[in-house]
């Protein structure tokens, strides 16, 4: 998705390739198996760009199993050739349910071509 403006961008009902890749990394581990099941059934409610990142809010069906953990999935770091420092991605679960994904960079502007990202690390 090419982004040239900030603010709300009409959300597609599906997760982007970048969102799926980040969620795969962030939700690794036995304690987050139910959250990974939610991703397969999740839809996008909104996707808001700030110029230096975005926030995506998800919709998960009520009958999807909740993750048993209360531990945050951790930060995923990503590199992109158009930004000088790593970007950070934060996944938020609320009551064991996938709620949102926040992405941001500390230097430069968020790249319009998100396909250039490579995910480099996950930390708690």
PDB file of N, CA and C in Angstrom:
ATOM      1  N   UNK A   1       0.857  -1.179   0.000  1.00  0.00           N
ATOM      2  CA  UNK A   1       0.000   0.000   0.000  1.00  0.00           C
ATOM      3  C   UNK A   1       0.892   1.227   0.000  1.00  0.00           C
ATOM      4  N   UNK A   2       0.734   2.111  -0.943  1.00  0.00           N
ATOM      5  CA  UNK A   2       1.496   3.353  -0.985  1.00  0.00           C
ATOM      6  C   UNK A   2       0.774   4.401  -0.146  1.00  0.00           C
ATOM      7  N   UNK A   3       1.522   5.040   0.739  1.00  0.00           N
ATOM      8  CA  UNK A   3       0.931   6.019   1.642  1.00  0.00           C
ATOM      9  C   UNK A   3       1.566   7.368   1.384  1.00  0.00           C
ATOM     10  N   UNK A   4       0.762   8.363   1.091  1.00  0.00           N
ATOM     11  CA  UNK A   4       1.288   9.701   0.857  1.00  0.00           C
ATOM     12  C   UNK A   4       0.636  10.736   1.766  1.00  0.00           C
ATOM     13  N   UNK A   5      -0.293  10.323   2.582  1.00  0.00           N
ATOM     14  CA  UNK A   5      -0.981  11.237   3.493  1.00  0.00           C
ATOM     15  C   UNK A   5      -1.006  10.619   4.883  1.00  0.00           C
ATOM     16  N   UNK A   6      -1.271  11.461   5.868  1.00  0.00           N
ATOM     17  CA  UNK A   6      -1.450  10.953   7.216  1.00  0.00           C
ATOM     18  C   UNK A   6      -2.931  10.877   7.507  1.00  0.00           C
ATOM     19  N   UNK A   7      -3.266  10.199   8.580  1.00  0.00           N
ATOM     20  CA  UNK A   7      -4.654  10.075   8.988  1.00  0.00           C
ATOM     21  C   UNK A   7      -5.230   8.728   8.623  1.00  0.00           C
ATOM     22  N   UNK A   8      -6.528   8.644   8.686  1.00  0.00           N
ATOM     23  CA  UNK A   8      -7.202   7.386   8.400  1.00  0.00           C
ATOM     24  C   UNK A   8      -7.119   7.056   6.921  1.00  0.00           C
ATOM     25  N   UNK A   9      -6.733   5.840   6.655  1.00  0.00           N
ATOM     26  CA  UNK A   9      -6.703   5.310   5.295  1.00  0.00           C
ATOM     27  C   UNK A   9      -7.796   4.264   5.241  1.00  0.00           C
ATOM     28  N   UNK A  10      -8.626   4.258   4.219  1.00  0.00           N
ATOM     29  CA  UNK A  10      -9.678   3.244   4.177  1.00  0.00           C
ATOM     30  C   UNK A  10      -9.089   1.850   4.395  1.00  0.00           C
ATOM     31  N   UNK A  11      -9.561   1.183   5.406  1.00  0.00           N
ATOM     32  CA  UNK A  11      -9.020  -0.128   5.782  1.00  0.00           C
ATOM     33  C   UNK A  11      -9.560  -1.210   4.864  1.00  0.00           C
ATOM     34  N   UNK A  12      -8.672  -2.099   4.494  1.00  0.00           N
ATOM     35  CA  UNK A  12      -9.117  -3.293   3.807  1.00  0.00           C
ATOM     36  C   UNK A  12      -9.540  -4.268   4.887  1.00  0.00           C
ATOM     37  N   UNK A  13     -10.429  -5.176   4.591  1.00  0.00           N
ATOM     38  CA  UNK A  13     -10.848  -6.111   5.631  1.00  0.00           C
ATOM     39  C   UNK A  13      -9.768  -7.134   5.971  1.00  0.00           C
ATOM     40  N   UNK A  14      -8.696  -7.153   5.174  1.00  0.00           N
ATOM     41  CA  UNK A  14      -7.648  -8.146   5.374  1.00  0.00           C
ATOM     42  C   UNK A  14      -6.376  -7.504   5.902  1.00  0.00           C
ATOM     43  N   UNK A  15      -5.579  -8.303   6.578  1.00  0.00           N
ATOM     44  CA  UNK A  15      -4.291  -7.848   7.069  1.00  0.00           C
ATOM     45  C   UNK A  15      -3.321  -7.718   5.901  1.00  0.00           C
ATOM     46  N   UNK A  16      -2.418  -6.738   6.003  1.00  0.00           N
ATOM     47  CA  UNK A  16      -1.395  -6.572   4.972  1.00  0.00           C
ATOM     48  C   UNK A  16      -0.318  -7.642   5.154  1.00  0.00           C
ATOM     49  N   UNK A  17       0.526  -7.790   4.151  1.00  0.00           N
ATOM     50  CA  UNK A  17       1.635  -8.740   4.257  1.00  0.00           C
ATOM     51  C   UNK A  17       2.551  -8.381   5.421  1.00  0.00           C
ATOM     52  N   UNK A  18       2.824  -7.084   5.616  1.00  0.00           N
ATOM     53  CA  UNK A  18       3.673  -6.650   6.725  1.00  0.00           C
ATOM     54  C   UNK A  18       3.023  -6.967   8.064  1.00  0.00           C
ATOM     55  N   UNK A  19       1.736  -6.683   8.194  1.00  0.00           N
ATOM     56  CA  UNK A  19       1.039  -6.987   9.455  1.00  0.00           C
ATOM     57  C   UNK A  19       1.101  -8.479   9.755  1.00  0.00           C
ATOM     58  N   UNK A  20       0.863  -9.309   8.759  1.00  0.00           N
ATOM     59  CA  UNK A  20       0.926 -10.766   8.973  1.00  0.00           C
ATOM     60  C   UNK A  20       2.322 -11.213   9.400  1.00  0.00           C
ATOM     61  N   UNK A  21       3.356 -10.670   8.747  1.00  0.00           N
ATOM     62  CA  UNK A  21       4.727 -11.049   9.085  1.00  0.00           C
ATOM     63  C   UNK A  21       5.071 -10.640  10.520  1.00  0.00           C
ATOM     64  N   UNK A  22       4.689  -9.434  10.909  1.00  0.00           N
ATOM     65  CA  UNK A  22       4.957  -8.971  12.272  1.00  0.00           C
ATOM     66  C   UNK A  22       4.220  -9.844  13.282  1.00  0.00           C
ATOM     67  N   UNK A  23       2.963 -10.148  13.015  1.00  0.00           N
ATOM     68  CA  UNK A  23       2.191 -10.979  13.938  1.00  0.00           C
ATOM     69  C   UNK A  23       2.778 -12.385  14.050  1.00  0.00           C
ATOM     70  N   UNK A  24       3.292 -12.935  12.949  1.00  0.00           N
ATOM     71  CA  UNK A  24       3.938 -14.251  12.994  1.00  0.00           C
ATOM     72  C   UNK A  24       5.109 -14.242  13.963  1.00  0.00           C
ATOM     73  N   UNK A  25       5.927 -13.197  13.906  1.00  0.00           N
ATOM     74  CA  UNK A  25       7.093 -13.104  14.781  1.00  0.00           C
ATOM     75  C   UNK A  25       6.664 -12.804  16.219  1.00  0.00           C
ATOM     76  N   UNK A  26       5.784 -11.822  16.390  1.00  0.00           N
ATOM     77  CA  UNK A  26       5.387 -11.387  17.735  1.00  0.00           C
ATOM     78  C   UNK A  26       4.649 -12.468  18.512  1.00  0.00           C
ATOM     79  N   UNK A  27       3.894 -13.295  17.819  1.00  0.00           N
ATOM     80  CA  UNK A  27       3.050 -14.279  18.508  1.00  0.00           C
ATOM     81  C   UNK A  27       3.652 -15.684  18.508  1.00  0.00           C
ATOM     82  N   UNK A  28       4.965 -15.776  18.317  1.00  0.00           N
ATOM     83  CA  UNK A  28       5.637 -17.073  18.389  1.00  0.00           C
ATOM     84  C   UNK A  28       5.655 -17.542  19.846  1.00  0.00           C
ATOM     85  N   UNK A  29       5.579 -18.827  20.043  1.00  0.00           N
ATOM     86  CA  UNK A  29       5.649 -19.389  21.393  1.00  0.00           C
ATOM     87  C   UNK A  29       4.378 -20.103  21.779  1.00  0.00           C
ATOM     88  N   UNK A  30       4.546 -21.110  22.632  1.00  0.00           N
ATOM     89  CA  UNK A  30       3.410 -21.941  23.036  1.00  0.00           C
ATOM     90  C   UNK A  30       2.319 -21.155  23.742  1.00  0.00           C
ATOM     91  N   UNK A  31       2.689 -20.152  24.544  1.00  0.00           N
ATOM     92  CA  UNK A  31       1.699 -19.408  25.321  1.00  0.00           C
ATOM     93  C   UNK A  31       0.820 -18.496  24.452  1.00  0.00           C
ATOM     94  N   UNK A  32       1.167 -18.346  23.175  1.00  0.00           N
ATOM     95  CA  UNK A  32       0.400 -17.469  22.291  1.00  0.00           C
ATOM     96  C   UNK A  32      -0.263 -18.224  21.138  1.00  0.00           C
ATOM     97  N   UNK A  33      -0.409 -19.539  21.271  1.00  0.00           N
ATOM     98  CA  UNK A  33      -1.023 -20.349  20.208  1.00  0.00           C
ATOM     99  C   UNK A  33      -2.445 -19.880  19.901  1.00  0.00           C
ATOM    100  N   UNK A  34      -3.219 -19.555  20.925  1.00  0.00           N
ATOM    101  CA  UNK A  34      -4.598 -19.097  20.697  1.00  0.00           C
ATOM    102  C   UNK A  34      -4.609 -17.759  19.963  1.00  0.00           C
ATOM    103  N   UNK A  35      -3.663 -16.890  20.273  1.00  0.00           N
ATOM    104  CA  UNK A  35      -3.585 -15.597  19.575  1.00  0.00           C
ATOM    105  C   UNK A  35      -3.252 -15.813  18.101  1.00  0.00           C
ATOM    106  N   UNK A  36      -2.400 -16.787  17.798  1.00  0.00           N
ATOM    107  CA  UNK A  36      -2.103 -17.087  16.393  1.00  0.00           C
ATOM    108  C   UNK A  36      -3.346 -17.603  15.675  1.00  0.00           C
ATOM    109  N   UNK A  37      -4.170 -18.373  16.368  1.00  0.00           N
ATOM    110  CA  UNK A  37      -5.437 -18.828  15.773  1.00  0.00           C
ATOM    111  C   UNK A  37      -6.349 -17.637  15.479  1.00  0.00           C
ATOM    112  N   UNK A  38      -6.330 -16.629  16.353  1.00  0.00           N
ATOM    113  CA  UNK A  38      -7.148 -15.440  16.142  1.00  0.00           C
ATOM    114  C   UNK A  38      -6.738 -14.696  14.873  1.00  0.00           C
ATOM    115  N   UNK A  39      -5.427 -14.659  14.583  1.00  0.00           N
ATOM    116  CA  UNK A  39      -4.931 -13.949  13.402  1.00  0.00           C
ATOM    117  C   UNK A  39      -5.584 -14.498  12.138  1.00  0.00           C
ATOM    118  N   UNK A  40      -5.742 -15.810  12.081  1.00  0.00           N
ATOM    119  CA  UNK A  40      -6.338 -16.442  10.895  1.00  0.00           C
ATOM    120  C   UNK A  40      -7.777 -15.979  10.675  1.00  0.00           C
ATOM    121  N   UNK A  41      -8.428 -15.532  11.726  1.00  0.00           N
ATOM    122  CA  UNK A  41      -9.832 -15.132  11.624  1.00  0.00           C
ATOM    123  C   UNK A  41     -10.034 -13.625  11.786  1.00  0.00           C
ATOM    124  N   UNK A  42      -8.955 -12.886  11.987  1.00  0.00           N
ATOM    125  CA  UNK A  42      -9.048 -11.456  12.272  1.00  0.00           C
ATOM    126  C   UNK A  42      -9.345 -10.648  11.020  1.00  0.00           C
ATOM    127  N   UNK A  43     -10.055  -9.564  11.212  1.00  0.00           N
ATOM    128  CA  UNK A  43     -10.282  -8.573  10.168  1.00  0.00           C
ATOM    129  C   UNK A  43      -9.767  -7.236  10.658  1.00  0.00           C
ATOM    130  N   UNK A  44      -9.599  -6.303   9.751  1.00  0.00           N
ATOM    131  CA  UNK A  44      -9.103  -4.978  10.096  1.00  0.00           C
ATOM    132  C   UNK A  44     -10.283  -4.035  10.275  1.00  0.00           C
ATOM    133  N   UNK A  45     -10.333  -3.374  11.421  1.00  0.00           N
ATOM    134  CA  UNK A  45     -11.367  -2.377  11.703  1.00  0.00           C
ATOM    135  C   UNK A  45     -10.915  -1.015  11.203  1.00  0.00           C
ATOM    136  N   UNK A  46      -9.654  -0.666  11.491  1.00  0.00           N
ATOM    137  CA  UNK A  46      -9.113   0.616  11.046  1.00  0.00           C
ATOM    138  C   UNK A  46      -7.604   0.520  10.912  1.00  0.00           C
ATOM    139  N   UNK A  47      -7.086   1.391  10.067  1.00  0.00           N
ATOM    140  CA  UNK A  47      -5.635   1.513   9.877  1.00  0.00           C
ATOM    141  C   UNK A  47      -5.370   2.999   9.746  1.00  0.00           C
ATOM    142  N   UNK A  48      -4.654   3.584  10.708  1.00  0.00           N
ATOM    143  CA  UNK A  48      -4.402   5.015  10.746  1.00  0.00           C
ATOM    144  C   UNK A  48      -2.903   5.271  10.638  1.00  0.00           C
ATOM    145  N   UNK A  49      -2.513   6.076   9.661  1.00  0.00           N
ATOM    146  CA  UNK A  49      -1.111   6.425   9.458  1.00  0.00           C
ATOM    147  C   UNK A  49      -0.830   7.791  10.068  1.00  0.00           C
ATOM    148  N   UNK A  50       0.341   7.925  10.708  1.00  0.00           N
ATOM    149  CA  UNK A  50       0.730   9.184  11.347  1.00  0.00           C
ATOM    150  C   UNK A  50       1.823   9.926  10.595  1.00  0.00           C
ATOM    151  N   UNK A  51       2.405   9.307   9.605  1.00  0.00           N
ATOM    152  CA  UNK A  51       3.562   9.878   8.926  1.00  0.00           C
ATOM    153  C   UNK A  51       4.852   9.193   9.357  1.00  0.00           C
ATOM    154  N   UNK A  52       4.892   8.754  10.626  1.00  0.00           N
ATOM    155  CA  UNK A  52       6.053   8.027  11.139  1.00  0.00           C
ATOM    156  C   UNK A  52       5.689   6.591  11.525  1.00  0.00           C
ATOM    157  N   UNK A  53       4.502   6.166  11.163  1.00  0.00           N
ATOM    158  CA  UNK A  53       4.061   4.809  11.489  1.00  0.00           C
ATOM    159  C   UNK A  53       2.567   4.665  11.272  1.00  0.00           C
ATOM    160  N   UNK A  54       2.004   3.635  11.910  1.00  0.00           N
ATOM    161  CA  UNK A  54       0.570   3.397  11.781  1.00  0.00           C
ATOM    162  C   UNK A  54       0.064   2.610  12.979  1.00  0.00           C
ATOM    163  N   UNK A  55      -1.243   2.629  13.151  1.00  0.00           N
ATOM    164  CA  UNK A  55      -1.926   1.788  14.136  1.00  0.00           C
ATOM    165  C   UNK A  55      -3.041   1.063  13.398  1.00  0.00           C
ATOM    166  N   UNK A  56      -3.038  -0.253  13.521  1.00  0.00           N
ATOM    167  CA  UNK A  56      -4.107  -1.073  12.947  1.00  0.00           C
ATOM    168  C   UNK A  56      -4.887  -1.687  14.098  1.00  0.00           C
ATOM    169  N   UNK A  57      -6.190  -1.547  14.049  1.00  0.00           N
ATOM    170  CA  UNK A  57      -7.058  -2.174  15.053  1.00  0.00           C
ATOM    171  C   UNK A  57      -7.767  -3.340  14.390  1.00  0.00           C
ATOM    172  N   UNK A  58      -7.865  -4.439  15.144  1.00  0.00           N
ATOM    173  CA  UNK A  58      -8.395  -5.677  14.599  1.00  0.00           C
ATOM    174  C   UNK A  58      -9.767  -6.021  15.167  1.00  0.00           C
ATOM    175  N   UNK A  59     -10.481  -6.830  14.412  1.00  0.00           N
ATOM    176  CA  UNK A  59     -11.753  -7.420  14.851  1.00  0.00           C
ATOM    177  C   UNK A  59     -11.532  -8.926  14.847  1.00  0.00           C
ATOM    178  N   UNK A  60     -11.812  -9.552  15.985  1.00  0.00           N
ATOM    179  CA  UNK A  60     -11.680 -11.002  16.120  1.00  0.00           C
ATOM    180  C   UNK A  60     -13.048 -11.545  16.514  1.00  0.00           C
ATOM    181  N   UNK A  61     -13.535 -12.575  15.837  1.00  0.00           N
ATOM    182  CA  UNK A  61     -14.842 -13.134  16.195  1.00  0.00           C
ATOM    183  C   UNK A  61     -14.899 -13.546  17.677  1.00  0.00           C
ATOM    184  N   UNK A  62     -16.047 -13.356  18.272  1.00  0.00           N
ATOM    185  CA  UNK A  62     -16.223 -13.638  19.703  1.00  0.00           C
ATOM    186  C   UNK A  62     -15.963 -15.096  20.050  1.00  0.00           C
ATOM    187  N   UNK A  63     -16.178 -16.011  19.110  1.00  0.00           N
ATOM    188  CA  UNK A  63     -15.979 -17.423  19.427  1.00  0.00           C
ATOM    189  C   UNK A  63     -14.535 -17.894  19.240  1.00  0.00           C
ATOM    190  N   UNK A  64     -13.621 -16.988  18.864  1.00  0.00           N
ATOM    191  CA  UNK A  64     -12.204 -17.350  18.752  1.00  0.00           C
ATOM    192  C   UNK A  64     -11.633 -17.533  20.158  1.00  0.00           C
ATOM    193  N   UNK A  65     -10.776 -18.537  20.358  1.00  0.00           N
ATOM    194  CA  UNK A  65     -10.223 -18.776  21.693  1.00  0.00           C
ATOM    195  C   UNK A  65      -9.319 -17.631  22.134  1.00  0.00           C
ATOM    196  N   UNK A  66      -9.345 -17.322  23.419  1.00  0.00           N
ATOM    197  CA  UNK A  66      -8.486 -16.279  23.988  1.00  0.00           C
ATOM    198  C   UNK A  66      -7.158 -16.891  24.412  1.00  0.00           C
ATOM    199  N   UNK A  67      -6.093 -16.113  24.272  1.00  0.00           N
ATOM    200  CA  UNK A  67      -4.782 -16.556  24.748  1.00  0.00           C
ATOM    201  C   UNK A  67      -4.800 -16.567  26.273  1.00  0.00           C
ATOM    202  N   UNK A  68      -4.141 -17.546  26.854  1.00  0.00           N
ATOM    203  CA  UNK A  68      -4.139 -17.690  28.306  1.00  0.00           C
ATOM    204  C   UNK A  68      -3.156 -16.749  28.988  1.00  0.00           C
ATOM    205  N   UNK A  69      -2.226 -16.205  28.254  1.00  0.00           N
ATOM    206  CA  UNK A  69      -1.181 -15.378  28.846  1.00  0.00           C
ATOM    207  C   UNK A  69      -1.626 -13.935  29.030  1.00  0.00           C
ATOM    208  N   UNK A  70      -1.049 -13.287  30.030  1.00  0.00           N
ATOM    209  CA  UNK A  70      -1.265 -11.853  30.216  1.00  0.00           C
ATOM    210  C   UNK A  70       0.020 -11.094  29.885  1.00  0.00           C
ATOM    211  N   UNK A  71       1.048 -11.813  29.436  1.00  0.00           N
ATOM    212  CA  UNK A  71       2.324 -11.204  29.086  1.00  0.00           C
ATOM    213  C   UNK A  71       2.226 -10.590  27.695  1.00  0.00           C
ATOM    214  N   UNK A  72       2.707  -9.370  27.558  1.00  0.00           N
ATOM    215  CA  UNK A  72       2.707  -8.712  26.247  1.00  0.00           C
ATOM    216  C   UNK A  72       3.609  -9.486  25.297  1.00  0.00           C
ATOM    217  N   UNK A  73       3.227  -9.579  24.024  1.00  0.00           N
ATOM    218  CA  UNK A  73       4.019 -10.347  23.066  1.00  0.00           C
ATOM    219  C   UNK A  73       5.429  -9.815  22.830  1.00  0.00           C
ATOM    220  N   UNK A  74       5.721  -8.588  23.166  1.00  0.00           N
ATOM    221  CA  UNK A  74       7.051  -8.031  22.971  1.00  0.00           C
ATOM    222  C   UNK A  74       7.141  -7.167  21.735  1.00  0.00           C
ATOM    223  N   UNK A  75       8.287  -6.573  21.552  1.00  0.00           N
ATOM    224  CA  UNK A  75       8.547  -5.652  20.453  1.00  0.00           C
ATOM    225  C   UNK A  75       9.222  -6.411  19.315  1.00  0.00           C
ATOM    226  N   UNK A  76       8.766  -6.175  18.111  1.00  0.00           N
ATOM    227  CA  UNK A  76       9.417  -6.700  16.915  1.00  0.00           C
ATOM    228  C   UNK A  76      10.119  -5.521  16.251  1.00  0.00           C
ATOM    229  N   UNK A  77      11.379  -5.718  15.874  1.00  0.00           N
ATOM    230  CA  UNK A  77      12.144  -4.680  15.195  1.00  0.00           C
ATOM    231  C   UNK A  77      12.216  -4.990  13.713  1.00  0.00           C
ATOM    232  N   UNK A  78      12.181  -3.942  12.898  1.00  0.00           N
ATOM    233  CA  UNK A  78      12.261  -4.121  11.458  1.00  0.00           C
ATOM    234  C   UNK A  78      13.166  -3.082  10.825  1.00  0.00           C
ATOM    235  N   UNK A  79      13.811  -3.473   9.754  1.00  0.00           N
ATOM    236  CA  UNK A  79      14.670  -2.560   8.992  1.00  0.00           C
ATOM    237  C   UNK A  79      14.049  -2.316   7.616  1.00  0.00           C
ATOM    238  N   UNK A  80      14.256  -1.107   7.135  1.00  0.00           N
ATOM    239  CA  UNK A  80      13.791  -0.734   5.796  1.00  0.00           C
ATOM    240  C   UNK A  80      14.842   0.183   5.195  1.00  0.00           C
ATOM    241  N   UNK A  81      15.175   0.020   3.916  1.00  0.00           N
ATOM    242  CA  UNK A  81      16.224   0.845   3.317  1.00  0.00           C
ATOM    243  C   UNK A  81      15.921   2.342   3.291  1.00  0.00           C
ATOM    244  N   UNK A  82      14.690   2.740   3.451  1.00  0.00           N
ATOM    245  CA  UNK A  82      14.333   4.158   3.385  1.00  0.00           C
ATOM    246  C   UNK A  82      14.343   4.854   4.739  1.00  0.00           C
ATOM    247  N   UNK A  83      14.531   4.100   5.829  1.00  0.00           N
ATOM    248  CA  UNK A  83      14.595   4.750   7.144  1.00  0.00           C
ATOM    249  C   UNK A  83      15.934   4.395   7.802  1.00  0.00           C
ATOM    250  N   UNK A  84      16.564   5.382   8.464  1.00  0.00           N
ATOM    251  CA  UNK A  84      17.926   5.189   8.960  1.00  0.00           C
ATOM    252  C   UNK A  84      18.061   4.267  10.183  1.00  0.00           C
ATOM    253  N   UNK A  85      17.050   4.144  10.981  1.00  0.00           N
ATOM    254  CA  UNK A  85      17.120   3.307  12.184  1.00  0.00           C
ATOM    255  C   UNK A  85      15.982   2.286  12.152  1.00  0.00           C
ATOM    256  N   UNK A  86      16.072   1.310  13.015  1.00  0.00           N
ATOM    257  CA  UNK A  86      15.041   0.264  13.055  1.00  0.00           C
ATOM    258  C   UNK A  86      13.677   0.846  13.413  1.00  0.00           C
ATOM    259  N   UNK A  87      12.660   0.252  12.848  1.00  0.00           N
ATOM    260  CA  UNK A  87      11.277   0.565  13.220  1.00  0.00           C
ATOM    261  C   UNK A  87      10.864  -0.425  14.302  1.00  0.00           C
ATOM    262  N   UNK A  88       9.899  -0.035  15.114  1.00  0.00           N
ATOM    263  CA  UNK A  88       9.379  -0.924  16.158  1.00  0.00           C
ATOM    264  C   UNK A  88       7.920  -1.227  15.883  1.00  0.00           C
ATOM    265  N   UNK A  89       7.540  -2.457  16.218  1.00  0.00           N
ATOM    266  CA  UNK A  89       6.171  -2.927  16.061  1.00  0.00           C
ATOM    267  C   UNK A  89       5.719  -3.500  17.397  1.00  0.00           C
ATOM    268  N   UNK A  90       4.599  -3.023  17.904  1.00  0.00           N
ATOM    269  CA  UNK A  90       4.039  -3.488  19.175  1.00  0.00           C
ATOM    270  C   UNK A  90       2.668  -4.104  18.938  1.00  0.00           C
ATOM    271  N   UNK A  91       2.483  -5.315  19.414  1.00  0.00           N
ATOM    272  CA  UNK A  91       1.190  -5.986  19.313  1.00  0.00           C
ATOM    273  C   UNK A  91       0.517  -5.894  20.675  1.00  0.00           C
ATOM    274  N   UNK A  92      -0.740  -5.504  20.673  1.00  0.00           N
ATOM    275  CA  UNK A  92      -1.486  -5.412  21.933  1.00  0.00           C
ATOM    276  C   UNK A  92      -2.579  -6.470  21.966  1.00  0.00           C
ATOM    277  N   UNK A  93      -2.569  -7.235  23.054  1.00  0.00           N
ATOM    278  CA  UNK A  93      -3.662  -8.163  23.358  1.00  0.00           C
ATOM    279  C   UNK A  93      -4.442  -7.567  24.516  1.00  0.00           C
ATOM    280  N   UNK A  94      -5.740  -7.694  24.470  1.00  0.00           N
ATOM    281  CA  UNK A  94      -6.583  -7.278  25.599  1.00  0.00           C
ATOM    282  C   UNK A  94      -7.422  -8.475  26.001  1.00  0.00           C
ATOM    283  N   UNK A  95      -7.283  -8.878  27.243  1.00  0.00           N
ATOM    284  CA  UNK A  95      -7.997 -10.050  27.768  1.00  0.00           C
ATOM    285  C   UNK A  95      -7.755 -11.271  26.872  1.00  0.00           C
ATOM    286  N   UNK A  96      -6.491 -11.405  26.418  1.00  0.00           N
ATOM    287  CA  UNK A  96      -6.124 -12.557  25.608  1.00  0.00           C
ATOM    288  C   UNK A  96      -6.582 -12.495  24.163  1.00  0.00           C
ATOM    289  N   UNK A  97      -7.050 -11.334  23.734  1.00  0.00           N
ATOM    290  CA  UNK A  97      -7.576 -11.199  22.367  1.00  0.00           C
ATOM    291  C   UNK A  97      -6.771 -10.147  21.611  1.00  0.00           C
ATOM    292  N   UNK A  98      -6.494 -10.436  20.351  1.00  0.00           N
ATOM    293  CA  UNK A  98      -5.753  -9.527  19.489  1.00  0.00           C
ATOM    294  C   UNK A  98      -6.514  -8.210  19.370  1.00  0.00           C
ATOM    295  N   UNK A  99      -5.866  -7.118  19.718  1.00  0.00           N
ATOM    296  CA  UNK A  99      -6.522  -5.815  19.688  1.00  0.00           C
ATOM    297  C   UNK A  99      -5.928  -4.885  18.638  1.00  0.00           C
ATOM    298  N   UNK A 100      -4.595  -4.683  18.667  1.00  0.00           N
ATOM    299  CA  UNK A 100      -4.014  -3.716  17.743  1.00  0.00           C
ATOM    300  C   UNK A 100      -2.544  -4.012  17.480  1.00  0.00           C
ATOM    301  N   UNK A 101      -2.056  -3.374  16.427  1.00  0.00           N
ATOM    302  CA  UNK A 101      -0.648  -3.405  16.063  1.00  0.00           C
ATOM    303  C   UNK A 101      -0.233  -1.961  15.823  1.00  0.00           C
ATOM    304  N   UNK A 102       0.803  -1.532  16.542  1.00  0.00           N
ATOM    305  CA  UNK A 102       1.326  -0.178  16.368  1.00  0.00           C
ATOM    306  C   UNK A 102       2.727  -0.285  15.776  1.00  0.00           C
ATOM    307  N   UNK A 103       3.007   0.518  14.765  1.00  0.00           N
ATOM    308  CA  UNK A 103       4.318   0.547  14.126  1.00  0.00           C
ATOM    309  C   UNK A 103       4.803   1.994  14.086  1.00  0.00           C
ATOM    310  N   UNK A 104       6.112   2.191  14.317  1.00  0.00           N
ATOM    311  CA  UNK A 104       6.645   3.543  14.280  1.00  0.00           C
ATOM    312  C   UNK A 104       8.149   3.517  14.048  1.00  0.00           C
ATOM    313  N   UNK A 105       8.657   4.625  13.508  1.00  0.00           N
ATOM    314  CA  UNK A 105      10.095   4.794  13.347  1.00  0.00           C
ATOM    315  C   UNK A 105      10.506   6.053  14.103  1.00  0.00           C
ATOM    316  N   UNK A 106      11.747   6.069  14.575  1.00  0.00           N
ATOM    317  CA  UNK A 106      12.257   7.210  15.334  1.00  0.00           C
ATOM    318  C   UNK A 106      12.933   8.248  14.447  1.00  0.00           C
ATOM    319  N   UNK A 107      13.383   7.828  13.278  1.00  0.00           N
ATOM    320  CA  UNK A 107      14.055   8.736  12.356  1.00  0.00           C
ATOM    321  C   UNK A 107      13.432   8.591  10.974  1.00  0.00           C
ATOM    322  N   UNK A 108      13.259   9.713  10.292  1.00  0.00           N
ATOM    323  CA  UNK A 108      12.699   9.672   8.953  1.00  0.00           C
ATOM    324  C   UNK A 108      11.184   9.545   8.980  1.00  0.00           C
ATOM    325  N   UNK A 109      10.634   9.307   7.797  1.00  0.00           N
ATOM    326  CA  UNK A 109       9.195   9.148   7.639  1.00  0.00           C
ATOM    327  C   UNK A 109       8.894   7.694   7.305  1.00  0.00           C
ATOM    328  N   UNK A 110       7.672   7.272   7.594  1.00  0.00           N
ATOM    329  CA  UNK A 110       7.273   5.901   7.302  1.00  0.00           C
ATOM    330  C   UNK A 110       7.315   5.681   5.793  1.00  0.00           C
ATOM    331  N   UNK A 111       7.945   4.605   5.346  1.00  0.00           N
ATOM    332  CA  UNK A 111       8.059   4.374   3.891  1.00  0.00           C
ATOM    333  C   UNK A 111       6.715   4.033   3.254  1.00  0.00           C
ATOM    334  N   UNK A 112       6.498   4.550   2.066  1.00  0.00           N
ATOM    335  CA  UNK A 112       5.274   4.251   1.330  1.00  0.00           C
ATOM    336  C   UNK A 112       5.248   2.829   0.813  1.00  0.00           C
ATOM    337  N   UNK A 113       6.411   2.235   0.605  1.00  0.00           N
ATOM    338  CA  UNK A 113       6.509   0.858   0.128  1.00  0.00           C
ATOM    339  C   UNK A 113       6.917  -0.037   1.292  1.00  0.00           C
ATOM    340  N   UNK A 114       5.945  -0.638   1.932  1.00  0.00           N
ATOM    341  CA  UNK A 114       6.216  -1.462   3.112  1.00  0.00           C
ATOM    342  C   UNK A 114       6.837  -2.811   2.753  1.00  0.00           C
ATOM    343  N   UNK A 115       6.867  -3.164   1.479  1.00  0.00           N
ATOM    344  CA  UNK A 115       7.438  -4.448   1.069  1.00  0.00           C
ATOM    345  C   UNK A 115       8.942  -4.504   1.335  1.00  0.00           C
ATOM    346  N   UNK A 116       9.604  -3.377   1.542  1.00  0.00           N
ATOM    347  CA  UNK A 116      11.041  -3.353   1.789  1.00  0.00           C
ATOM    348  C   UNK A 116      11.453  -3.715   3.198  1.00  0.00           C
ATOM    349  N   UNK A 117      10.500  -3.963   4.083  1.00  0.00           N
ATOM    350  CA  UNK A 117      10.839  -4.285   5.472  1.00  0.00           C
ATOM    351  C   UNK A 117      11.390  -5.696   5.609  1.00  0.00           C
ATOM    352  N   UNK A 118      12.380  -5.824   6.464  1.00  0.00           N
ATOM    353  CA  UNK A 118      12.820  -7.134   6.929  1.00  0.00           C
ATOM    354  C   UNK A 118      12.747  -7.087   8.451  1.00  0.00           C
ATOM    355  N   UNK A 119      12.209  -8.118   9.039  1.00  0.00           N
ATOM    356  CA  UNK A 119      12.074  -8.179  10.492  1.00  0.00           C
ATOM    357  C   UNK A 119      13.355  -8.779  11.049  1.00  0.00           C
ATOM    358  N   UNK A 120      13.902  -8.125  12.082  1.00  0.00           N
ATOM    359  CA  UNK A 120      15.226  -8.514  12.547  1.00  0.00           C
ATOM    360  C   UNK A 120      15.282  -9.074  13.955  1.00  0.00           C
ATOM    361  N   UNK A 121      14.316  -8.783  14.795  1.00  0.00           N
ATOM    362  CA  UNK A 121      14.421  -9.256  16.176  1.00  0.00           C
ATOM    363  C   UNK A 121      13.101  -9.132  16.904  1.00  0.00           C
ATOM    364  N   UNK A 122      13.000  -9.895  17.975  1.00  0.00           N
ATOM    365  CA  UNK A 122      11.872  -9.773  18.895  1.00  0.00           C
ATOM    366  C   UNK A 122      12.438  -9.754  20.304  1.00  0.00           C
ATOM    367  N   UNK A 123      11.932  -8.844  21.114  1.00  0.00           N
ATOM    368  CA  UNK A 123      12.339  -8.777  22.509  1.00  0.00           C
ATOM    369  C   UNK A 123      11.133  -8.583  23.396  1.00  0.00           C
ATOM    370  N   UNK A 124      11.239  -9.000  24.632  1.00  0.00           N
ATOM    371  CA  UNK A 124      10.113  -8.838  25.564  1.00  0.00           C
ATOM    372  C   UNK A 124      10.287  -7.611  26.385  1.00  0.00           C
TER     373      UNK A 124
END
